């Protein structure tokens, strides 16, 4: 037996609803895929911007670290220069004494003596020379001791025969 469809409009309505549901589902899938793609592109752009900013921050941080290292080096050099300046100031007080002493030393040197070497270090001095006899060395020592800028003077050594010239060394320091 054959069946008769007494309500044909229902079948059309069901087919229309199915078509509309498939179209809505297809539009939803396309819209969802578009939304996901747009979100992914947006987040990729944000990630790229964040990475660019992080790179800039790292570069700036490296520059600041280099500047801080240079600053520490400059401060260390400043401390070294401060110590050097303090030493120069300490020595400059001796320079006045040394200059006066060097001006008076040729007058104090006996005629039968000659200097071979003169060393001045840290407020101390050392004279090396030759003298004809012990009396010339003693006269030079007395003349040096009489200078007001000399705090001490002594004979380090005298070498030689009584008939020959004698090598001598005098040492001492400058007064404060």
C-alpha atoms as a PDB file:
ATOM      1  CA  UNK A   1       0.000   0.000   0.000  1.00  0.00           C
ATOM      2  CA  UNK A   2       1.017   3.295  -0.753  1.00  0.00           C
ATOM      3  CA  UNK A   3       1.283   6.037   1.726  1.00  0.00           C
ATOM      4  CA  UNK A   4      -0.128   9.363   1.126  1.00  0.00           C
ATOM      5  CA  UNK A   5       1.446  12.495   2.458  1.00  0.00           C
ATOM      6  CA  UNK A   6      -1.339  14.536   3.835  1.00  0.00           C
ATOM      7  CA  UNK A   7       0.920  17.331   5.106  1.00  0.00           C
ATOM      8  CA  UNK A   8       3.432  18.157   2.300  1.00  0.00           C
ATOM      9  CA  UNK A   9       4.228  21.555   3.707  1.00  0.00           C
ATOM     10  CA  UNK A  10       5.870  19.806   6.726  1.00  0.00           C
ATOM     11  CA  UNK A  11       8.415  18.121   4.491  1.00  0.00           C
ATOM     12  CA  UNK A  12       9.203  21.403   2.775  1.00  0.00           C
ATOM     13  CA  UNK A  13       9.524  23.118   6.123  1.00  0.00           C
ATOM     14  CA  UNK A  14      11.887  20.359   7.393  1.00  0.00           C
ATOM     15  CA  UNK A  15      14.035  20.625   4.264  1.00  0.00           C
ATOM     16  CA  UNK A  16      14.090  24.417   4.600  1.00  0.00           C
ATOM     17  CA  UNK A  17      15.050  24.122   8.262  1.00  0.00           C
ATOM     18  CA  UNK A  18      17.785  21.630   7.414  1.00  0.00           C
ATOM     19  CA  UNK A  19      19.119  23.912   4.722  1.00  0.00           C
ATOM     20  CA  UNK A  20      18.975  26.888   7.082  1.00  0.00           C
ATOM     21  CA  UNK A  21      20.647  24.842   9.858  1.00  0.00           C
ATOM     22  CA  UNK A  22      23.380  23.686   7.457  1.00  0.00           C
ATOM     23  CA  UNK A  23      23.818  27.250   6.229  1.00  0.00           C
ATOM     24  CA  UNK A  24      23.943  28.522   9.840  1.00  0.00           C
ATOM     25  CA  UNK A  25      26.386  25.748  10.764  1.00  0.00           C
ATOM     26  CA  UNK A  26      28.507  26.540   7.714  1.00  0.00           C
ATOM     27  CA  UNK A  27      28.398  30.277   8.512  1.00  0.00           C
ATOM     28  CA  UNK A  28      29.286  29.500  12.136  1.00  0.00           C
ATOM     29  CA  UNK A  29      32.213  27.343  11.054  1.00  0.00           C
ATOM     30  CA  UNK A  30      33.443  29.970   8.610  1.00  0.00           C
ATOM     31  CA  UNK A  31      32.896  32.742  11.181  1.00  0.00           C
ATOM     32  CA  UNK A  32      34.603  30.676  13.898  1.00  0.00           C
ATOM     33  CA  UNK A  33      37.562  29.945  11.646  1.00  0.00           C
ATOM     34  CA  UNK A  34      37.715  33.646  10.747  1.00  0.00           C
ATOM     35  CA  UNK A  35      37.541  34.597  14.423  1.00  0.00           C
ATOM     36  CA  UNK A  36      40.267  32.117  15.376  1.00  0.00           C
ATOM     37  CA  UNK A  37      42.442  33.340  12.477  1.00  0.00           C
ATOM     38  CA  UNK A  38      41.876  36.983  13.422  1.00  0.00           C
ATOM     39  CA  UNK A  39      42.609  36.240  17.101  1.00  0.00           C
ATOM     40  CA  UNK A  40      45.745  34.331  16.154  1.00  0.00           C
ATOM     41  CA  UNK A  41      46.934  37.175  13.913  1.00  0.00           C
ATOM     42  CA  UNK A  42      46.176  39.722  16.629  1.00  0.00           C
ATOM     43  CA  UNK A  43      47.982  37.702  19.306  1.00  0.00           C
ATOM     44  CA  UNK A  44      50.916  37.082  16.939  1.00  0.00           C
ATOM     45  CA  UNK A  45      51.165  40.851  16.417  1.00  0.00           C
ATOM     46  CA  UNK A  46      51.013  41.419  20.177  1.00  0.00           C
ATOM     47  CA  UNK A  47      53.677  38.743  20.697  1.00  0.00           C
ATOM     48  CA  UNK A  48      55.875  40.320  18.033  1.00  0.00           C
ATOM     49  CA  UNK A  49      55.437  43.757  19.660  1.00  0.00           C
ATOM     50  CA  UNK A  50      56.221  42.286  23.083  1.00  0.00           C
ATOM     51  CA  UNK A  51      59.344  40.589  21.713  1.00  0.00           C
ATOM     52  CA  UNK A  52      60.417  43.854  20.070  1.00  0.00           C
ATOM     53  CA  UNK A  53      59.941  45.716  23.355  1.00  0.00           C
ATOM     54  CA  UNK A  54      61.776  42.976  25.261  1.00  0.00           C
ATOM     55  CA  UNK A  55      64.642  43.294  22.780  1.00  0.00           C
ATOM     56  CA  UNK A  56      64.700  47.063  23.302  1.00  0.00           C
ATOM     57  CA  UNK A  57      64.668  46.586  27.077  1.00  0.00           C
ATOM     58  CA  UNK A  58      67.512  44.046  26.851  1.00  0.00           C
ATOM     59  CA  UNK A  59      69.508  46.443  24.673  1.00  0.00           C
ATOM     60  CA  UNK A  60      68.855  49.319  27.072  1.00  0.00           C
ATOM     61  CA  UNK A  61      69.745  47.069  30.021  1.00  0.00           C
ATOM     62  CA  UNK A  62      73.004  46.048  28.321  1.00  0.00           C
ATOM     63  CA  UNK A  63      73.767  49.733  27.687  1.00  0.00           C
ATOM     64  CA  UNK A  64      73.046  50.568  31.323  1.00  0.00           C
ATOM     65  CA  UNK A  65      75.190  47.669  32.509  1.00  0.00           C
ATOM     66  CA  UNK A  66      78.031  48.872  30.287  1.00  0.00           C
ATOM     67  CA  UNK A  67      77.557  52.412  31.584  1.00  0.00           C
ATOM     68  CA  UNK A  68      77.512  51.128  35.175  1.00  0.00           C
ATOM     69  CA  UNK A  69      80.719  49.160  34.551  1.00  0.00           C
ATOM     70  CA  UNK A  70      82.310  52.250  33.018  1.00  0.00           C
ATOM     71  CA  UNK A  71      81.108  54.283  36.018  1.00  0.00           C
ATOM     72  CA  UNK A  72      82.639  51.761  38.434  1.00  0.00           C
ATOM     73  CA  UNK A  73      85.885  51.865  36.449  1.00  0.00           C
ATOM     74  CA  UNK A  74      85.876  55.666  36.531  1.00  0.00           C
ATOM     75  CA  UNK A  75      85.225  55.640  40.272  1.00  0.00           C
ATOM     76  CA  UNK A  76      88.122  53.215  40.756  1.00  0.00           C
ATOM     77  CA  UNK A  77      90.336  55.435  38.611  1.00  0.00           C
ATOM     78  CA  UNK A  78      89.112  58.450  40.584  1.00  0.00           C
ATOM     79  CA  UNK A  79      90.090  56.711  43.821  1.00  0.00           C
ATOM     80  CA  UNK A  80      93.481  55.862  42.308  1.00  0.00           C
ATOM     81  CA  UNK A  81      93.897  59.454  41.152  1.00  0.00           C
ATOM     82  CA  UNK A  82      92.855  60.678  44.606  1.00  0.00           C
ATOM     83  CA  UNK A  83      95.533  58.502  46.172  1.00  0.00           C
ATOM     84  CA  UNK A  84      98.037  59.764  43.599  1.00  0.00           C
ATOM     85  CA  UNK A  85      97.035  63.374  44.286  1.00  0.00           C
ATOM     86  CA  UNK A  86      97.425  62.800  48.028  1.00  0.00           C
ATOM     87  CA  UNK A  87     100.880  61.356  47.407  1.00  0.00           C
ATOM     88  CA  UNK A  88     101.776  64.278  45.143  1.00  0.00           C
ATOM     89  CA  UNK A  89     100.623  66.745  47.782  1.00  0.00           C
ATOM     90  CA  UNK A  90     102.687  64.900  50.373  1.00  0.00           C
ATOM     91  CA  UNK A  91     105.712  64.900  48.094  1.00  0.00           C
ATOM     92  CA  UNK A  92     105.221  68.516  47.001  1.00  0.00           C
ATOM     93  CA  UNK A  93     106.018  69.590  50.559  1.00  0.00           C
ATOM     94  CA  UNK A  94     109.332  67.810  50.168  1.00  0.00           C
ATOM     95  CA  UNK A  95     109.920  69.406  46.771  1.00  0.00           C
ATOM     96  CA  UNK A  96     110.521  72.784  48.388  1.00  0.00           C
ATOM     97  CA  UNK A  97     113.107  71.216  50.711  1.00  0.00           C
ATOM     98  CA  UNK A  98     114.693  69.280  47.859  1.00  0.00           C
ATOM     99  CA  UNK A  99     114.987  72.371  45.681  1.00  0.00           C
ATOM    100  CA  UNK A 100     116.607  74.372  48.496  1.00  0.00           C
ATOM    101  CA  UNK A 101     118.913  71.462  49.306  1.00  0.00           C
ATOM    102  CA  UNK A 102     119.969  71.044  45.668  1.00  0.00           C
ATOM    103  CA  UNK A 103     120.770  74.761  45.480  1.00  0.00           C
ATOM    104  CA  UNK A 104     122.957  74.616  48.618  1.00  0.00           C
ATOM    105  CA  UNK A 105     124.642  71.270  47.900  1.00  0.00           C
ATOM    106  CA  UNK A 106     127.247  72.549  45.349  1.00  0.00           C
ATOM    107  CA  UNK A 107     128.385  75.192  47.853  1.00  0.00           C
ATOM    108  CA  UNK A 108     128.764  72.513  50.562  1.00  0.00           C
ATOM    109  CA  UNK A 109     130.829  70.186  48.359  1.00  0.00           C
ATOM    110  CA  UNK A 110     134.566  70.481  49.194  1.00  0.00           C
ATOM    111  CA  UNK A 111     136.855  71.329  46.258  1.00  0.00           C
ATOM    112  CA  UNK A 112     138.702  68.004  46.440  1.00  0.00           C
ATOM    113  CA  UNK A 113     135.474  65.961  46.185  1.00  0.00           C
ATOM    114  CA  UNK A 114     133.108  65.122  43.375  1.00  0.00           C
ATOM    115  CA  UNK A 115     129.668  63.520  43.211  1.00  0.00           C
ATOM    116  CA  UNK A 116     129.034  60.481  41.034  1.00  0.00           C
ATOM    117  CA  UNK A 117     125.381  59.766  41.797  1.00  0.00           C
ATOM    118  CA  UNK A 118     122.483  61.390  43.626  1.00  0.00           C
ATOM    119  CA  UNK A 119     119.202  59.619  44.434  1.00  0.00           C
ATOM    120  CA  UNK A 120     116.148  61.201  46.024  1.00  0.00           C
ATOM    121  CA  UNK A 121     113.203  58.977  46.985  1.00  0.00           C
ATOM    122  CA  UNK A 122     110.301  59.406  49.395  1.00  0.00           C
ATOM    123  CA  UNK A 123     111.896  62.236  51.353  1.00  0.00           C
ATOM    124  CA  UNK A 124     115.252  60.459  51.622  1.00  0.00           C
ATOM    125  CA  UNK A 125     118.442  61.117  49.719  1.00  0.00           C
ATOM    126  CA  UNK A 126     121.639  59.246  48.961  1.00  0.00           C
ATOM    127  CA  UNK A 127     124.908  60.764  47.679  1.00  0.00           C
ATOM    128  CA  UNK A 128     127.675  58.708  46.093  1.00  0.00           C
ATOM    129  CA  UNK A 129     130.997  60.282  45.237  1.00  0.00           C
ATOM    130  CA  UNK A 130     134.803  60.345  45.471  1.00  0.00           C
ATOM    131  CA  UNK A 131     136.891  62.344  47.901  1.00  0.00           C
ATOM    132  CA  UNK A 132     140.635  62.771  48.240  1.00  0.00           C
ATOM    133  CA  UNK A 133     140.618  61.955  51.952  1.00  0.00           C
ATOM    134  CA  UNK A 134     138.385  61.319  54.946  1.00  0.00           C
ATOM    135  CA  UNK A 135     138.516  64.965  55.980  1.00  0.00           C
ATOM    136  CA  UNK A 136     136.698  66.001  52.758  1.00  0.00           C
ATOM    137  CA  UNK A 137     133.946  63.424  53.441  1.00  0.00           C
ATOM    138  CA  UNK A 138     133.626  64.640  57.044  1.00  0.00           C
ATOM    139  CA  UNK A 139     133.441  68.290  55.895  1.00  0.00           C
ATOM    140  CA  UNK A 140     130.723  67.440  53.389  1.00  0.00           C
ATOM    141  CA  UNK A 141     128.766  65.539  56.053  1.00  0.00           C
ATOM    142  CA  UNK A 142     128.987  68.488  58.470  1.00  0.00           C
ATOM    143  CA  UNK A 143     127.945  70.962  55.764  1.00  0.00           C
ATOM    144  CA  UNK A 144     124.939  68.826  54.844  1.00  0.00           C
ATOM    145  CA  UNK A 145     123.933  68.396  58.499  1.00  0.00           C
ATOM    146  CA  UNK A 146     124.054  72.175  58.906  1.00  0.00           C
ATOM    147  CA  UNK A 147     121.422  72.672  56.199  1.00  0.00           C
ATOM    148  CA  UNK A 148     118.029  73.451  57.819  1.00  0.00           C
ATOM    149  CA  UNK A 149     115.996  71.246  55.454  1.00  0.00           C
ATOM    150  CA  UNK A 150     117.969  68.078  56.327  1.00  0.00           C
ATOM    151  CA  UNK A 151     116.632  66.094  59.285  1.00  0.00           C
ATOM    152  CA  UNK A 152     119.405  63.524  59.356  1.00  0.00           C
ATOM    153  CA  UNK A 153     122.652  62.701  57.549  1.00  0.00           C
ATOM    154  CA  UNK A 154     125.049  59.823  58.030  1.00  0.00           C
ATOM    155  CA  UNK A 155     127.925  58.080  56.304  1.00  0.00           C
ATOM    156  CA  UNK A 156     126.840  54.776  54.806  1.00  0.00           C
ATOM    157  CA  UNK A 157     130.308  53.661  53.760  1.00  0.00           C
ATOM    158  CA  UNK A 158     133.772  54.892  52.824  1.00  0.00           C
ATOM    159  CA  UNK A 159     136.051  52.656  50.776  1.00  0.00           C
ATOM    160  CA  UNK A 160     139.569  53.120  49.512  1.00  0.00           C
ATOM    161  CA  UNK A 161     143.247  53.174  50.443  1.00  0.00           C
ATOM    162  CA  UNK A 162     144.729  56.021  52.491  1.00  0.00           C
ATOM    163  CA  UNK A 163     146.822  57.190  49.538  1.00  0.00           C
ATOM    164  CA  UNK A 164     144.040  57.001  46.915  1.00  0.00           C
ATOM    165  CA  UNK A 165     140.695  58.669  46.373  1.00  0.00           C
ATOM    166  CA  UNK A 166     137.951  57.247  48.527  1.00  0.00           C
ATOM    167  CA  UNK A 167     134.477  56.228  47.383  1.00  0.00           C
ATOM    168  CA  UNK A 168     131.836  57.335  49.827  1.00  0.00           C
ATOM    169  CA  UNK A 169     128.073  57.173  50.304  1.00  0.00           C
ATOM    170  CA  UNK A 170     126.070  59.548  52.472  1.00  0.00           C
ATOM    171  CA  UNK A 171     122.383  59.037  53.247  1.00  0.00           C
ATOM    172  CA  UNK A 172     119.796  61.088  55.026  1.00  0.00           C
ATOM    173  CA  UNK A 173     116.316  62.526  54.978  1.00  0.00           C
ATOM    174  CA  UNK A 174     114.547  65.830  54.637  1.00  0.00           C
ATOM    175  CA  UNK A 175     112.791  67.530  57.552  1.00  0.00           C
ATOM    176  CA  UNK A 176     109.045  67.889  57.709  1.00  0.00           C
END
